[in-house]
Amino acid sequence: MKTIALIMAAGLSRRFDGSVPKQFVKLCGQPVLAHTINRFERAETVDAVIIVTTADRVEHIKNDIVKVYKYEKVIDVVVGGESRQESVRLGLQAIPDSFDLVAIQDGARIMTRSSDIDKVNRVAQKTKAAMLAIPMSDTVKRVNDMKIIETVDRADLFLAQTPQVFEREAILSAHLSNADSKIVTDDASLVEQSGTIVTIVVPEYPNPKITTKNDFEIIELILRKEKNA
């Protein structure tokens, strides 16, 4: 089965609070987006990559990232929409019919090990839908007006990560069916609504996402440790 990765790099990084979107800020000598692409270039089960970004960043990615770092798997850079959900849908519509599976990845989740990408992709080849997620370790409180009203049982709670891997036709159909409906927080939610069971795969290595500037220092330390290992 052929797998294509859809790397989402169209966000405006409002929570990052910077003049440049976080996916283009340099970290350990490379743009954040480049670190993410690196992981999929090395993944054995990924055949190609499409990057989804804003219109003003298309040429920058093509010339200053894809060409400079000589990525071989990147086959296209496409323009996204006003929301992440719309951007994913537009990215899915740009995928050639020859691909069976789609691995959807946050552009700012740069620590995903290639081995974990292959692990979740191989599960999806068997189950049609799989995603990385980690068990909830902290105690969870339900709050109303900043007052605790309940302690939630965390035994069966997991924190969703990416990549999330689906059969191409199934995830495209789910997005098209929901194009004018409610906003969901991840792609697995849409597939779940169609009745498809999504299998959880726990990554073997840390897989954090850069959301705020404080995340940079932590992830930089992990990157440097990884390179020195």
Protein backbone atom coordinates (compact mmCIF):
# COMPACT_ATOMS: atom_id res chain seq x y z
CA MET A 1 0.00 0.00 0.00
CA LYS A 2 1.28 3.48 -0.90
CA THR A 3 1.29 6.16 1.78
CA ILE A 4 1.52 9.92 1.36
CA ALA A 5 2.12 12.35 4.21
CA LEU A 6 0.15 15.58 4.43
CA ILE A 7 2.17 18.05 6.50
CA MET A 8 0.11 20.97 7.77
CA ALA A 9 2.03 24.27 7.74
CA ALA A 10 -0.74 26.81 7.12
CA GLY A 11 -1.31 27.94 10.69
CA LEU A 12 -0.80 31.55 11.77
CA SER A 13 0.68 30.56 15.16
CA ARG A 14 -1.51 32.94 17.17
CA ARG A 15 -0.52 31.28 20.47
CA PHE A 16 3.15 31.44 19.51
CA ASP A 17 3.12 35.24 19.61
CA GLY A 18 5.84 35.89 17.03
CA SER A 19 6.24 37.93 13.85
CA VAL A 20 7.05 34.76 11.90
CA PRO A 21 4.83 31.65 12.07
CA LYS A 22 6.52 29.03 14.24
CA GLN A 23 6.92 26.51 11.41
CA PHE A 24 9.41 28.85 9.72
CA VAL A 25 11.45 29.84 12.77
CA LYS A 26 14.92 28.26 12.83
CA LEU A 27 15.75 25.71 15.49
CA CYS A 28 19.19 24.08 15.68
CA GLY A 29 20.04 25.58 12.29
CA GLN A 30 16.95 24.50 10.36
CA PRO A 31 13.38 25.81 10.04
CA VAL A 32 10.89 23.96 12.22
CA LEU A 33 9.11 22.69 9.10
CA ALA A 34 12.35 21.21 7.77
CA HIS A 35 12.79 19.17 10.95
CA THR A 36 9.31 17.73 10.43
CA ILE A 37 9.92 16.89 6.77
CA ASN A 38 13.20 15.19 7.74
CA ARG A 39 11.29 12.61 9.76
CA PHE A 40 9.05 11.63 6.84
CA GLU A 41 11.94 11.58 4.36
CA ARG A 42 13.53 8.90 6.54
CA ALA A 43 10.36 6.89 7.19
CA GLU A 44 10.46 3.61 5.29
CA THR A 45 6.69 3.34 4.82
CA VAL A 46 6.11 6.87 3.47
CA ASP A 47 6.30 7.22 -0.31
CA ALA A 48 5.60 10.92 -0.81
CA VAL A 49 4.85 14.21 0.97
CA ILE A 50 2.55 17.15 0.27
CA ILE A 51 2.91 20.34 2.31
CA VAL A 52 -0.11 22.58 2.93
CA THR A 53 0.64 26.23 3.65
CA THR A 54 -0.55 29.80 3.07
CA ALA A 55 -0.41 31.38 -0.38
CA ASP A 56 2.42 33.72 0.56
CA ARG A 57 4.64 30.86 1.75
CA VAL A 58 4.40 28.46 -1.20
CA GLU A 59 7.45 29.74 -3.11
CA HIS A 60 9.45 30.11 0.10
CA ILE A 61 8.88 26.45 0.96
CA LYS A 62 9.66 25.29 -2.57
CA ASN A 63 12.84 27.34 -2.98
CA ASP A 64 14.22 27.82 0.53
CA ILE A 65 13.28 24.53 2.14
CA VAL A 66 12.51 21.77 -0.38
CA LYS A 67 15.29 22.73 -2.82
CA VAL A 68 17.85 23.77 -0.20
CA TYR A 69 17.51 20.54 1.80
CA LYS A 70 17.08 18.43 -1.36
CA TYR A 71 13.94 16.64 -0.26
CA GLU A 72 13.08 13.81 -2.62
CA LYS A 73 9.64 12.84 -1.34
CA VAL A 74 7.95 16.26 -1.50
CA ILE A 75 5.80 16.20 -4.64
CA ASP A 76 3.73 19.35 -4.10
CA VAL A 77 3.16 22.43 -1.95
CA VAL A 78 -0.49 23.51 -1.93
CA VAL A 79 -2.46 26.43 -0.53
CA GLY A 80 -4.66 25.76 2.49
CA GLY A 81 -7.82 27.49 3.73
CA GLU A 82 -8.96 29.73 6.54
CA SER A 83 -9.05 26.94 9.14
CA ARG A 84 -6.96 23.83 9.73
CA GLN A 85 -9.95 21.71 8.83
CA GLU A 86 -10.35 23.44 5.47
CA SER A 87 -6.61 23.21 4.87
CA VAL A 88 -6.63 19.46 5.44
CA ARG A 89 -9.55 19.06 3.04
CA LEU A 90 -7.77 21.06 0.33
CA GLY A 91 -4.63 19.04 0.90
CA LEU A 92 -6.55 15.78 0.61
CA GLN A 93 -8.11 16.90 -2.65
CA ALA A 94 -4.61 17.48 -4.07
CA ILE A 95 -3.49 13.89 -3.43
CA PRO A 96 -3.24 11.65 -6.53
CA ASP A 97 -5.57 8.65 -6.62
CA SER A 98 -2.58 6.29 -6.69
CA PHE A 99 -2.09 6.63 -2.91
CA ASP A 100 -3.95 4.34 -0.52
CA LEU A 101 -3.18 5.88 2.88
CA VAL A 102 -2.70 9.44 4.13
CA ALA A 103 -0.61 10.33 7.19
CA ILE A 104 -1.70 13.77 8.45
CA GLN A 105 0.97 15.55 10.48
CA ASP A 106 1.19 18.84 12.37
CA GLY A 107 3.99 20.90 10.82
CA ALA A 108 5.17 21.97 14.28
CA ARG A 109 5.38 18.43 15.68
CA ILE A 110 9.02 18.04 14.82
CA MET A 111 10.11 15.26 17.17
CA THR A 112 8.11 12.38 15.68
CA ARG A 113 10.61 9.58 15.19
CA SER A 114 10.61 7.89 11.78
CA SER A 115 10.25 4.55 13.55
CA ASP A 116 7.01 5.74 15.19
CA ILE A 117 5.75 6.99 11.81
CA ASP A 118 6.39 3.54 10.36
CA LYS A 119 4.81 1.89 13.40
CA VAL A 120 1.50 3.76 13.17
CA ASN A 121 1.45 3.46 9.38
CA ARG A 122 1.84 -0.31 9.50
CA VAL A 123 -1.04 -0.54 11.97
CA ALA A 124 -3.20 1.60 9.64
CA GLN A 125 -2.38 -0.73 6.76
CA LYS A 126 -4.15 -3.46 8.71
CA THR A 127 -6.91 -1.52 10.48
CA LYS A 128 -7.62 1.32 7.95
CA ALA A 129 -7.23 4.03 10.63
CA ALA A 130 -4.59 4.58 13.33
CA MET A 131 -3.04 7.46 15.23
CA LEU A 132 -0.32 8.22 17.75
CA ALA A 133 -1.54 9.05 21.26
CA ILE A 134 -0.21 8.82 24.79
CA PRO A 135 -1.98 7.83 28.03
CA MET A 136 -3.10 10.68 30.26
CA SER A 137 -0.73 10.77 33.24
CA ASP A 138 -1.94 13.85 35.16
CA THR A 139 -5.07 13.98 37.26
CA VAL A 140 -7.90 15.62 35.30
CA LYS A 141 -10.39 18.05 36.84
CA ARG A 142 -13.64 19.24 35.30
CA VAL A 143 -14.06 22.93 36.15
CA ASN A 144 -16.89 25.47 36.08
CA ASP A 145 -16.10 29.14 36.73
CA MET A 146 -12.62 28.09 37.93
CA LYS A 147 -14.11 25.82 40.57
CA ILE A 148 -13.62 22.06 40.50
CA ILE A 149 -16.86 20.18 40.04
CA GLU A 150 -15.51 16.71 39.28
CA THR A 151 -12.35 14.61 39.13
CA VAL A 152 -12.39 12.69 35.86
CA ASP A 153 -11.29 9.06 35.73
CA ARG A 154 -8.18 9.12 33.53
CA ALA A 155 -7.85 5.34 33.16
CA ASP A 156 -9.08 5.31 29.56
CA LEU A 157 -8.05 8.83 28.52
CA PHE A 158 -5.34 9.44 25.90
CA LEU A 159 -3.82 12.64 24.49
CA ALA A 160 -4.10 12.75 20.70
CA GLN A 161 -0.98 13.34 18.62
CA THR A 162 0.00 13.07 14.97
CA PRO A 163 0.54 11.51 12.55
CA GLN A 164 -2.98 10.23 12.14
CA VAL A 165 -3.18 7.73 9.29
CA PHE A 166 -6.32 6.86 7.31
CA GLU A 167 -7.42 5.29 4.08
CA ARG A 168 -7.34 8.15 1.59
CA GLU A 169 -10.91 7.73 0.33
CA ALA A 170 -12.32 7.41 3.87
CA ILE A 171 -10.72 10.57 5.26
CA LEU A 172 -11.48 12.56 2.11
CA SER A 173 -15.13 11.49 2.27
CA ALA A 174 -15.29 12.40 5.98
CA HIS A 175 -13.94 15.90 5.30
CA LEU A 176 -16.20 16.51 2.30
CA SER A 177 -19.25 15.42 4.31
CA ASN A 178 -18.33 17.82 7.11
CA ALA A 179 -17.17 20.76 4.95
CA ASP A 180 -20.04 23.03 6.02
CA SER A 181 -20.63 21.55 9.45
CA LYS A 182 -19.04 21.83 12.86
CA ILE A 183 -15.36 22.39 13.52
CA VAL A 184 -13.50 19.40 14.97
CA THR A 185 -10.15 19.47 16.74
CA ASP A 186 -8.52 16.59 14.90
CA ASP A 187 -9.04 14.43 11.83
CA ALA A 188 -9.72 11.24 13.77
CA SER A 189 -12.89 12.89 15.12
CA LEU A 190 -14.34 13.08 11.61
CA VAL A 191 -13.53 9.46 10.84
CA GLU A 192 -15.02 8.36 14.16
CA GLN A 193 -18.31 10.05 13.20
CA SER A 194 -18.54 7.79 10.15
CA GLY A 195 -18.35 4.71 12.37
CA THR A 196 -14.73 3.80 11.62
CA ILE A 197 -12.71 2.51 14.58
CA VAL A 198 -9.40 4.36 14.98
CA THR A 199 -6.63 2.32 16.60
CA ILE A 200 -4.33 4.00 19.13
CA VAL A 201 -0.57 3.50 18.78
CA VAL A 202 1.63 4.71 21.65
CA PRO A 203 4.87 6.27 20.38
CA GLU A 204 8.14 4.91 21.73
CA TYR A 205 9.75 8.35 21.86
CA PRO A 206 8.64 11.85 23.00
CA ASN A 207 6.47 13.53 20.38
CA PRO A 208 5.68 17.08 21.60
CA LYS A 209 4.30 19.87 19.45
CA ILE A 210 5.61 23.43 19.44
CA THR A 211 2.77 25.68 20.55
CA THR A 212 4.38 28.53 22.49
CA LYS A 213 7.87 30.07 22.60
CA ASN A 214 8.57 28.22 25.84
CA ASP A 215 8.32 24.93 23.94
CA PHE A 216 11.34 25.90 21.84
CA GLU A 217 13.84 25.58 24.68
CA ILE A 218 12.55 22.17 25.72
CA ILE A 219 12.48 20.77 22.20
CA GLU A 220 15.90 22.21 21.39
CA LEU A 221 17.34 20.29 24.33
CA ILE A 222 15.69 17.07 23.11
CA LEU A 223 16.99 17.65 19.57
CA ARG A 224 20.56 18.23 20.75
CA LYS A 225 20.40 15.12 22.94
CA GLU A 226 19.08 13.10 20.01
CA LYS A 227 21.89 14.30 17.71
CA ASN A 228 24.54 13.45 20.31
CA ALA A 229 23.14 10.01 21.03
